[in-house]
Amino acid sequence: MTDTLTSYRLIAKDLPASLSRKAAEPTVAREIAYYEAHIGQVKSVDDLLGDQRLYAYAMKAYGLEDMTYAKAFMRKVLEEGAASAASFANRLADDRYTAFAKAFSFGQGVTATGADPARFGEQARAASLSAPKLLADSYDFSGRAEASFLVESRLDATTTQSVTIRLNAQTLAGQVANPAKVTPAEIAAAVAAQIEASALKGKVQAGLAADGSLFFETTALTDLGADGAYGGTGRDADTLVNAGGPNRTLTIRNAPLSANRTAVDVGFGTDLGPDSMAQAVTQAYLRQSLESEAGDADTGVRLALYFARKASSIASAYDILGDAALSQVANTVIGLPATSGAATSEALAKRAQLIDRKIDIASFRDPAKLDAFVRRFAAIWDAQNNTASAPILALFTGTGSLDAETLQSVQSARIGA
């Protein structure tokens, strides 16, 4: 059996080639061909869940193979989507469900409803929606790129109004400094301008949230009646429409792209159904298959590959602590027992502080430093688990394992600094 470090290096040194070899395997190739030939026919949650082969493929692609049996659970994930922070997927601690819900959105919208005051003296709560992701530093709308989505608000029990937002080279002309580098602030301003030019003027506001995502919220207004002027009776009577209360709703859902346009994801309106997501899902399927096969032979290799894949999304020590596999890698490198845990918030904070002291998380943005960290993990894993398959380790002691002093020095060094 090849040791963990060698196996990881063989796979990681040319990952595209490793994935290509995996894709060429007959069993894998058949599953990919079936998925790509049939996913375009899937237009609903029922369609996906009704084709067991497609459903199993999708679940494996997002690392959810063990949950394939839980169709009722996954139906809830899919039906509520990921656009709302309150959706079922976003309330789960595992971000794999959020990724799955985003990939298989089927164009469904997300809706928020206002609320009456909880206590006397309070105001009704407006309906509001924030995009589930932050805007990028800039977007290129100079070519065929477009974001297209519908914004709709119910004003009362019988009146609903809407506008279709389209962001593309034509609609942004004259509004942005550089169509090839449209900033988040410019996107928010363009969306707000299209709302102001529509039937939703004064009824819905849009802007850039403090965290860098698009947000929409219903606002209070005075309906001036048929004459469009203040005062009057009957059809001309003015009506105050509250920003909140159960009669006010806010809905955002995908709208079809204009002809020959390519979807851009600004948090809403990607219009990326599973047919256009096929390639991305297939790449995820290949990566999961590669990691699973490696894990069958050596758990350490699977952990190393998984950490290398997820490292770019690690923002803090708490991201590591919230993922069992990431935690196992970190524990191995800094010398904590694999079973060590944090039963209280105080203990969790101490664990996070220890990780921050021992591991330079920011260094994971550097591919070379990340690779060095993962290789260090693989070497320590070999020392602890695979001495029989790595005979060179026997040079350190007569028993085939690192002596305590050497192992302690390896584990105590701060990584990536």
Protein backbone atom coordinates (compact mmCIF):
# COMPACT_ATOMS: atom_id res chain seq x y z
CA MET A 1 0.00 0.00 0.00
CA THR A 2 1.33 3.45 -0.96
CA ASP A 3 1.70 5.87 1.93
CA THR A 4 -0.66 8.85 2.34
CA LEU A 5 1.86 11.52 1.36
CA THR A 6 2.86 9.76 -1.86
CA SER A 7 -0.76 9.03 -2.83
CA TYR A 8 -1.80 12.61 -2.23
CA ARG A 9 1.12 13.99 -4.24
CA LEU A 10 0.39 11.67 -7.17
CA ILE A 11 -3.21 12.89 -7.34
CA ALA A 12 -2.69 16.56 -6.53
CA LYS A 13 0.34 17.27 -8.74
CA ASP A 14 -1.95 17.27 -11.81
CA LEU A 15 -5.53 17.30 -10.55
CA PRO A 16 -7.13 17.90 -13.99
CA ALA A 17 -5.37 14.79 -15.31
CA SER A 18 -6.50 12.81 -12.26
CA LEU A 19 -10.09 13.90 -12.85
CA SER A 20 -9.84 13.05 -16.55
CA ARG A 21 -8.67 9.55 -15.72
CA LYS A 22 -11.58 9.18 -13.32
CA ALA A 23 -14.03 10.40 -15.99
CA ALA A 24 -12.69 7.80 -18.42
CA GLU A 25 -13.50 4.88 -16.13
CA PRO A 26 -16.39 2.95 -17.74
CA THR A 27 -18.76 3.06 -14.74
CA VAL A 28 -18.18 6.76 -14.13
CA ALA A 29 -18.42 7.60 -17.84
CA ARG A 30 -21.80 5.84 -18.09
CA GLU A 31 -23.21 7.81 -15.15
CA ILE A 32 -21.95 11.11 -16.55
CA ALA A 33 -23.41 10.35 -19.98
CA TYR A 34 -26.80 9.49 -18.47
CA TYR A 35 -26.86 12.63 -16.34
CA GLU A 36 -25.89 15.00 -19.13
CA ALA A 37 -28.36 13.37 -21.55
CA HIS A 38 -31.34 13.55 -19.18
CA ILE A 39 -30.88 16.48 -16.80
CA GLY A 40 -32.18 18.96 -19.38
CA GLN A 41 -35.59 17.27 -19.14
CA VAL A 42 -35.78 17.90 -15.41
CA LYS A 43 -37.89 20.99 -14.73
CA SER A 44 -39.14 20.41 -11.18
CA VAL A 45 -38.34 18.87 -7.83
CA ASP A 46 -40.63 15.95 -8.66
CA ASP A 47 -38.74 15.31 -11.90
CA LEU A 48 -35.41 15.08 -10.09
CA LEU A 49 -36.64 12.93 -7.21
CA GLY A 50 -38.55 10.72 -9.64
CA ASP A 51 -35.43 9.65 -11.54
CA GLN A 52 -33.44 7.67 -9.01
CA ARG A 53 -30.35 7.52 -11.17
CA LEU A 54 -30.21 11.30 -11.71
CA TYR A 55 -31.05 11.96 -8.07
CA ALA A 56 -28.32 9.62 -6.80
CA TYR A 57 -25.80 11.24 -9.15
CA ALA A 58 -26.70 14.72 -7.92
CA MET A 59 -26.50 13.68 -4.28
CA LYS A 60 -23.07 12.14 -4.75
CA ALA A 61 -21.84 15.26 -6.57
CA TYR A 62 -22.48 17.32 -3.43
CA GLY A 63 -21.15 14.79 -0.94
CA LEU A 64 -24.65 13.82 0.23
CA GLU A 65 -24.58 10.21 -0.89
CA ASP A 66 -25.37 8.96 2.62
CA MET A 67 -28.61 11.00 2.59
CA THR A 68 -29.94 9.67 -0.71
CA TYR A 69 -32.60 7.67 1.12
CA ALA A 70 -34.03 10.81 2.80
CA LYS A 71 -36.18 12.05 -0.07
CA ALA A 72 -38.70 13.88 2.12
CA PHE A 73 -35.85 15.76 3.78
CA MET A 74 -34.25 16.62 0.44
CA ARG A 75 -37.61 17.69 -1.00
CA LYS A 76 -37.80 20.32 1.72
CA VAL A 77 -34.26 21.45 0.92
CA LEU A 78 -35.15 21.81 -2.76
CA GLU A 79 -38.60 23.34 -2.39
CA GLU A 80 -37.46 26.11 -0.05
CA GLY A 81 -34.30 26.77 -2.07
CA ALA A 82 -31.38 28.86 -0.84
CA ALA A 83 -32.25 32.44 -1.78
CA SER A 84 -33.76 33.22 1.61
CA ALA A 85 -31.67 33.22 4.77
CA ALA A 86 -34.67 31.64 6.50
CA SER A 87 -34.89 28.70 4.08
CA PHE A 88 -34.51 25.14 5.37
CA ALA A 89 -31.13 24.64 3.65
CA ASN A 90 -29.69 27.84 5.12
CA ARG A 91 -30.86 26.90 8.60
CA LEU A 92 -28.91 23.64 8.48
CA ALA A 93 -25.36 23.70 9.80
CA ASP A 94 -24.02 21.84 6.75
CA ASP A 95 -23.34 24.08 3.73
CA ARG A 96 -23.57 21.11 1.35
CA TYR A 97 -27.36 21.44 1.47
CA THR A 98 -27.18 25.11 0.54
CA ALA A 99 -24.93 24.30 -2.41
CA PHE A 100 -27.30 21.54 -3.50
CA ALA A 101 -30.34 23.84 -3.28
CA LYS A 102 -28.59 26.50 -5.34
CA ALA A 103 -27.56 24.04 -8.04
CA PHE A 104 -31.07 22.64 -8.45
CA SER A 105 -33.17 25.75 -8.02
CA PHE A 106 -35.56 24.99 -10.94
CA GLY A 107 -36.20 28.71 -11.24
CA GLN A 108 -38.42 28.89 -8.17
CA GLY A 109 -38.66 32.21 -6.43
CA VAL A 110 -38.31 33.27 -2.85
CA THR A 111 -40.99 35.14 -0.94
CA ALA A 112 -41.03 37.17 2.27
CA THR A 113 -44.18 38.31 4.07
CA GLY A 114 -44.57 41.32 6.31
CA ALA A 115 -45.79 40.97 9.88
CA ASP A 116 -48.11 42.79 12.26
CA PRO A 117 -46.62 44.38 15.40
CA ALA A 118 -45.56 41.81 17.98
CA ARG A 119 -46.47 44.18 20.84
CA PHE A 120 -48.56 47.30 21.24
CA GLY A 121 -46.70 50.41 20.17
CA GLU A 122 -44.44 48.64 17.70
CA GLN A 123 -44.61 49.10 13.94
CA ALA A 124 -45.50 46.41 11.46
CA ARG A 125 -42.45 44.66 10.00
CA ALA A 126 -41.71 45.15 6.32
CA ALA A 127 -41.17 42.22 3.99
CA SER A 128 -37.48 42.02 3.08
CA LEU A 129 -35.15 39.74 1.15
CA SER A 130 -31.35 39.66 0.98
CA ALA A 131 -29.38 37.76 -1.62
CA PRO A 132 -27.82 34.56 -0.23
CA LYS A 133 -24.36 35.52 -1.46
CA LEU A 134 -22.15 38.60 -1.47
CA LEU A 135 -21.56 40.46 -4.70
CA ALA A 136 -18.15 40.01 -6.29
CA ASP A 137 -15.69 42.88 -6.52
CA SER A 138 -16.80 43.51 -10.11
CA TYR A 139 -18.77 42.01 -13.00
CA ASP A 140 -18.18 42.06 -16.74
CA PHE A 141 -21.37 43.13 -18.53
CA SER A 142 -19.57 44.34 -21.66
CA GLY A 143 -20.55 41.32 -23.76
CA ARG A 144 -23.56 38.98 -23.68
CA ALA A 145 -23.76 38.74 -19.90
CA GLU A 146 -27.11 39.42 -18.22
CA ALA A 147 -28.83 39.10 -14.87
CA SER A 148 -32.60 38.86 -15.13
CA PHE A 149 -35.14 38.49 -12.34
CA LEU A 150 -38.67 39.51 -11.39
CA VAL A 151 -39.42 41.63 -8.32
CA GLU A 152 -43.05 41.48 -7.20
CA SER A 153 -44.92 42.95 -4.23
CA ARG A 154 -48.47 42.36 -3.02
CA LEU A 155 -49.79 45.68 -1.76
CA ASP A 156 -53.01 44.32 -0.32
CA ALA A 157 -55.28 41.31 -0.64
CA THR A 158 -56.17 42.14 -4.26
CA THR A 159 -53.33 44.23 -5.71
CA THR A 160 -49.95 42.87 -6.84
CA GLN A 161 -47.41 44.76 -8.95
CA SER A 162 -44.05 43.75 -10.38
CA VAL A 163 -41.05 44.68 -12.52
CA THR A 164 -38.51 42.56 -14.38
CA ILE A 165 -34.96 43.68 -13.62
CA ARG A 166 -32.48 43.25 -16.46
CA LEU A 167 -28.80 44.06 -16.07
CA ASN A 168 -26.86 43.91 -19.32
CA ALA A 169 -24.67 46.09 -21.55
CA GLN A 170 -27.67 48.01 -22.88
CA THR A 171 -29.52 48.68 -19.61
CA LEU A 172 -26.29 49.69 -17.85
CA ALA A 173 -25.12 52.02 -20.64
CA GLY A 174 -24.47 55.48 -19.27
CA GLN A 175 -24.97 54.31 -15.68
CA VAL A 176 -21.62 52.66 -15.01
CA ALA A 177 -18.06 53.88 -15.42
CA ASN A 178 -16.80 50.68 -17.05
CA PRO A 179 -19.22 47.98 -18.34
CA ALA A 180 -16.40 45.43 -18.05
CA LYS A 181 -15.93 46.19 -14.34
CA VAL A 182 -19.33 46.96 -12.86
CA THR A 183 -19.06 47.45 -9.11
CA PRO A 184 -21.53 46.23 -6.45
CA ALA A 185 -22.58 49.83 -5.76
CA GLU A 186 -23.30 50.37 -9.45
CA ILE A 187 -25.34 47.18 -9.62
CA ALA A 188 -27.41 48.21 -6.60
CA ALA A 189 -27.96 51.68 -8.07
CA ALA A 190 -29.02 50.24 -11.45
CA VAL A 191 -31.51 47.88 -9.80
CA ALA A 192 -32.93 50.73 -7.69
CA ALA A 193 -33.27 52.90 -10.81
CA GLN A 194 -35.25 50.21 -12.66
CA ILE A 195 -37.58 49.84 -9.67
CA GLU A 196 -38.09 53.63 -9.53
CA ALA A 197 -39.04 53.61 -13.21
CA SER A 198 -41.65 50.90 -12.70
CA ALA A 199 -45.02 50.37 -11.03
CA LEU A 200 -43.11 49.54 -7.84
CA LYS A 201 -41.80 53.09 -7.48
CA GLY A 202 -42.06 54.08 -3.83
CA LYS A 203 -43.34 50.62 -2.90
CA VAL A 204 -40.12 48.60 -2.87
CA GLN A 205 -36.59 49.82 -2.21
CA ALA A 206 -33.36 48.09 -3.21
CA GLY A 207 -29.80 48.68 -2.17
CA LEU A 208 -26.49 47.23 -1.05
CA ALA A 209 -26.51 45.65 2.41
CA ALA A 210 -23.68 46.20 4.87
CA ASP A 211 -22.32 42.70 4.13
CA GLY A 212 -22.10 43.41 0.39
CA SER A 213 -25.25 41.62 -0.84
CA LEU A 214 -28.27 42.98 -2.68
CA PHE A 215 -31.34 43.59 -0.52
CA PHE A 216 -34.97 44.46 -1.22
CA GLU A 217 -37.61 45.74 1.21
CA THR A 218 -41.21 46.88 1.02
CA THR A 219 -41.89 50.52 1.93
CA ALA A 220 -44.92 52.48 3.12
CA LEU A 221 -46.73 54.64 0.59
CA THR A 222 -49.84 56.64 -0.06
CA ASP A 223 -51.98 55.44 -2.98
CA LEU A 224 -53.45 58.63 -4.40
CA GLY A 225 -56.38 56.90 -6.04
CA ALA A 226 -57.64 57.14 -9.62
CA ASP A 227 -56.92 60.87 -9.98
CA GLY A 228 -53.30 60.58 -8.87
CA ALA A 229 -53.66 63.64 -6.65
CA TYR A 230 -53.88 64.15 -2.93
CA GLY A 231 -57.39 64.18 -1.47
CA GLY A 232 -60.62 63.03 -3.09
CA THR A 233 -63.34 60.54 -2.38
CA GLY A 234 -64.55 57.28 -3.87
CA ARG A 235 -62.20 56.08 -6.62
CA ASP A 236 -60.06 59.19 -6.06
CA ALA A 237 -59.64 58.60 -2.33
CA ASP A 238 -56.12 58.31 -0.93
CA THR A 239 -55.13 55.09 0.79
CA LEU A 240 -52.19 54.57 3.13
CA VAL A 241 -50.37 51.30 2.37
CA ASN A 242 -48.17 50.08 5.23
CA ALA A 243 -44.64 48.78 4.69
CA GLY A 244 -45.44 45.70 6.74
CA GLY A 245 -48.27 43.52 7.92
CA PRO A 246 -49.37 40.14 6.54
CA ASN A 247 -50.88 41.73 3.42
CA ARG A 248 -47.48 42.96 2.20
CA THR A 249 -45.29 40.44 0.43
CA LEU A 250 -42.09 40.57 -1.55
CA THR A 251 -41.23 37.91 -4.13
CA ILE A 252 -38.14 37.54 -6.30
CA ARG A 253 -37.83 34.83 -8.91
CA ASN A 254 -35.87 34.11 -12.05
CA ALA A 255 -36.98 35.63 -15.34
CA PRO A 256 -35.99 34.25 -18.76
CA LEU A 257 -32.82 35.72 -20.19
CA SER A 258 -32.97 37.88 -23.29
CA ALA A 259 -32.04 36.17 -26.55
CA ASN A 260 -28.40 35.07 -26.84
CA ARG A 261 -27.55 36.15 -23.31
CA THR A 262 -25.37 34.39 -20.74
CA ALA A 263 -26.48 34.34 -17.11
CA VAL A 264 -24.55 36.25 -14.46
CA ASP A 265 -25.06 35.44 -10.79
CA VAL A 266 -25.62 38.56 -8.70
CA GLY A 267 -27.43 36.62 -5.98
CA PHE A 268 -30.81 36.66 -7.71
CA GLY A 269 -31.92 35.75 -11.20
CA THR A 270 -29.15 33.44 -12.30
CA ASP A 271 -31.59 31.53 -14.51
CA LEU A 272 -29.21 28.61 -14.19
CA GLY A 273 -31.42 25.55 -14.26
CA PRO A 274 -29.86 22.11 -13.86
CA ASP A 275 -29.43 21.75 -17.63
CA SER A 276 -26.97 24.65 -17.75
CA MET A 277 -25.44 23.52 -14.46
CA ALA A 278 -24.67 20.07 -15.87
CA GLN A 279 -20.96 20.65 -16.36
CA ALA A 280 -20.46 22.13 -12.89
CA VAL A 281 -22.35 19.25 -11.28
CA THR A 282 -20.33 16.73 -13.28
CA GLN A 283 -17.07 18.30 -12.10
CA ALA A 284 -18.33 18.05 -8.52
CA TYR A 285 -19.33 14.41 -9.15
CA LEU A 286 -15.86 13.59 -10.49
CA ARG A 287 -14.14 15.24 -7.53
CA GLN A 288 -16.34 13.37 -5.05
CA SER A 289 -15.73 10.08 -6.89
CA LEU A 290 -11.99 10.69 -6.85
CA GLU A 291 -11.97 11.48 -3.14
CA SER A 292 -14.23 8.53 -2.28
CA GLU A 293 -12.04 6.06 -4.16
CA ALA A 294 -8.92 7.46 -2.52
CA GLY A 295 -10.62 7.19 0.87
CA ASP A 296 -11.43 3.53 0.33
CA ALA A 297 -7.71 2.82 0.21
CA ASP A 298 -6.52 5.47 2.70
CA THR A 299 -8.69 7.75 4.81
CA GLY A 300 -5.80 10.21 5.10
CA VAL A 301 -5.71 10.79 1.34
CA ARG A 302 -9.41 11.58 1.27
CA LEU A 303 -9.01 14.00 4.17
CA ALA A 304 -6.07 15.69 2.43
CA LEU A 305 -7.95 16.09 -0.85
CA TYR A 306 -11.05 17.33 0.95
CA PHE A 307 -9.10 19.92 2.92
CA ALA A 308 -7.36 21.13 -0.23
CA ARG A 309 -10.76 21.56 -1.92
CA LYS A 310 -12.43 23.35 0.98
CA ALA A 311 -9.52 25.50 2.16
CA SER A 312 -10.42 28.52 0.02
CA SER A 313 -13.77 28.81 1.83
CA ILE A 314 -12.22 28.77 5.33
CA ALA A 315 -12.54 32.26 6.78
CA SER A 316 -11.94 31.53 10.45
CA ALA A 317 -11.12 28.82 12.97
CA TYR A 318 -14.84 28.35 13.53
CA ASP A 319 -15.25 27.20 9.93
CA ILE A 320 -12.76 24.44 10.71
CA LEU A 321 -14.47 23.53 13.98
CA GLY A 322 -17.82 23.32 12.24
CA ASP A 323 -16.63 20.64 9.80
CA ALA A 324 -15.63 17.25 11.19
CA ALA A 325 -13.24 16.44 8.33
CA LEU A 326 -11.52 19.84 8.42
CA SER A 327 -11.24 19.51 12.19
CA GLN A 328 -9.61 16.11 11.89
CA VAL A 329 -6.94 17.53 9.59
CA ALA A 330 -6.31 20.50 11.88
CA ASN A 331 -6.24 18.29 14.98
CA THR A 332 -3.69 16.03 13.34
CA VAL A 333 -1.39 18.89 12.37
CA ILE A 334 -1.45 20.73 15.70
CA GLY A 335 -1.39 17.59 17.82
CA LEU A 336 -4.88 17.45 19.34
CA PRO A 337 -6.53 14.07 19.93
CA ALA A 338 -8.92 13.14 17.13
CA THR A 339 -11.77 12.79 19.63
CA SER A 340 -11.17 16.10 21.37
CA GLY A 341 -14.20 18.37 21.30
CA ALA A 342 -15.64 21.55 22.69
CA ALA A 343 -18.68 20.93 24.86
CA THR A 344 -19.23 24.56 25.87
CA SER A 345 -18.99 27.93 24.15
CA GLU A 346 -15.99 28.76 26.32
CA ALA A 347 -14.22 25.56 25.31
CA LEU A 348 -15.10 26.22 21.68
CA ALA A 349 -13.59 29.70 21.89
CA LYS A 350 -10.39 28.26 23.37
CA ARG A 351 -10.18 25.69 20.59
CA ALA A 352 -10.63 28.46 18.03
CA GLN A 353 -7.86 30.51 19.67
CA LEU A 354 -5.54 27.51 19.62
CA ILE A 355 -6.17 26.95 15.91
CA ASP A 356 -5.55 30.64 15.20
CA ARG A 357 -2.23 30.45 17.05
CA LYS A 358 -1.07 27.26 15.37
CA ILE A 359 -2.43 27.67 11.83
CA ASP A 360 -2.16 30.67 9.54
CA ILE A 361 -5.57 30.42 7.84
CA ALA A 362 -4.88 33.40 5.57
CA SER A 363 -1.96 31.47 4.05
CA PHE A 364 -4.43 29.02 2.48
CA ARG A 365 -5.06 31.65 -0.20
CA ASP A 366 -1.55 30.87 -1.45
CA PRO A 367 -1.66 27.54 -3.37
CA ALA A 368 1.96 26.76 -2.52
CA LYS A 369 1.44 27.31 1.21
CA LEU A 370 -1.80 25.34 1.15
CA ASP A 371 -0.07 22.44 -0.57
CA ALA A 372 2.74 22.56 2.02
CA PHE A 373 0.16 22.44 4.83
CA VAL A 374 -1.70 19.47 3.33
CA ARG A 375 1.57 17.63 2.72
CA ARG A 376 2.53 18.21 6.34
CA PHE A 377 -0.79 16.70 7.38
CA ALA A 378 -0.19 13.69 5.13
CA ALA A 379 3.30 13.16 6.58
CA ILE A 380 2.04 13.29 10.16
CA TRP A 381 -0.88 11.01 9.25
CA ASP A 382 1.61 8.51 7.84
CA ALA A 383 3.68 8.71 11.01
CA GLN A 384 0.64 7.97 13.14
CA ASN A 385 -1.20 5.46 10.94
CA ASN A 386 0.82 4.11 8.02
CA THR A 387 4.30 3.22 9.22
CA ALA A 388 4.11 -0.17 7.53
CA SER A 389 3.50 1.46 4.13
CA ALA A 390 6.16 4.14 4.65
CA PRO A 391 9.32 2.19 5.65
CA ILE A 392 11.48 5.32 5.62
CA LEU A 393 9.80 6.34 8.87
CA ALA A 394 11.53 3.41 10.54
CA LEU A 395 14.79 5.31 10.20
CA PHE A 396 13.70 7.59 13.02
CA THR A 397 13.16 4.80 15.55
CA GLY A 398 13.52 1.11 15.79
CA THR A 399 9.74 0.63 15.88
CA GLY A 400 8.77 2.38 12.65
CA SER A 401 7.31 5.52 14.25
CA LEU A 402 8.60 9.01 14.96
CA ASP A 403 10.08 9.53 18.40
CA ALA A 404 8.04 11.77 20.69
CA GLU A 405 10.44 14.71 20.58
CA THR A 406 10.57 14.82 16.77
CA LEU A 407 6.80 14.44 16.41
CA GLN A 408 6.20 17.17 18.99
CA SER A 409 8.49 19.58 17.14
CA VAL A 410 6.66 18.93 13.88
CA GLN A 411 3.24 19.48 15.42
CA SER A 412 4.08 22.52 17.52
CA ALA A 413 5.36 24.68 14.68
CA ARG A 414 2.91 27.34 13.41
CA ILE A 415 1.95 26.41 9.87
CA GLY A 416 2.04 28.87 6.98
CA ALA A 417 3.63 31.74 8.90
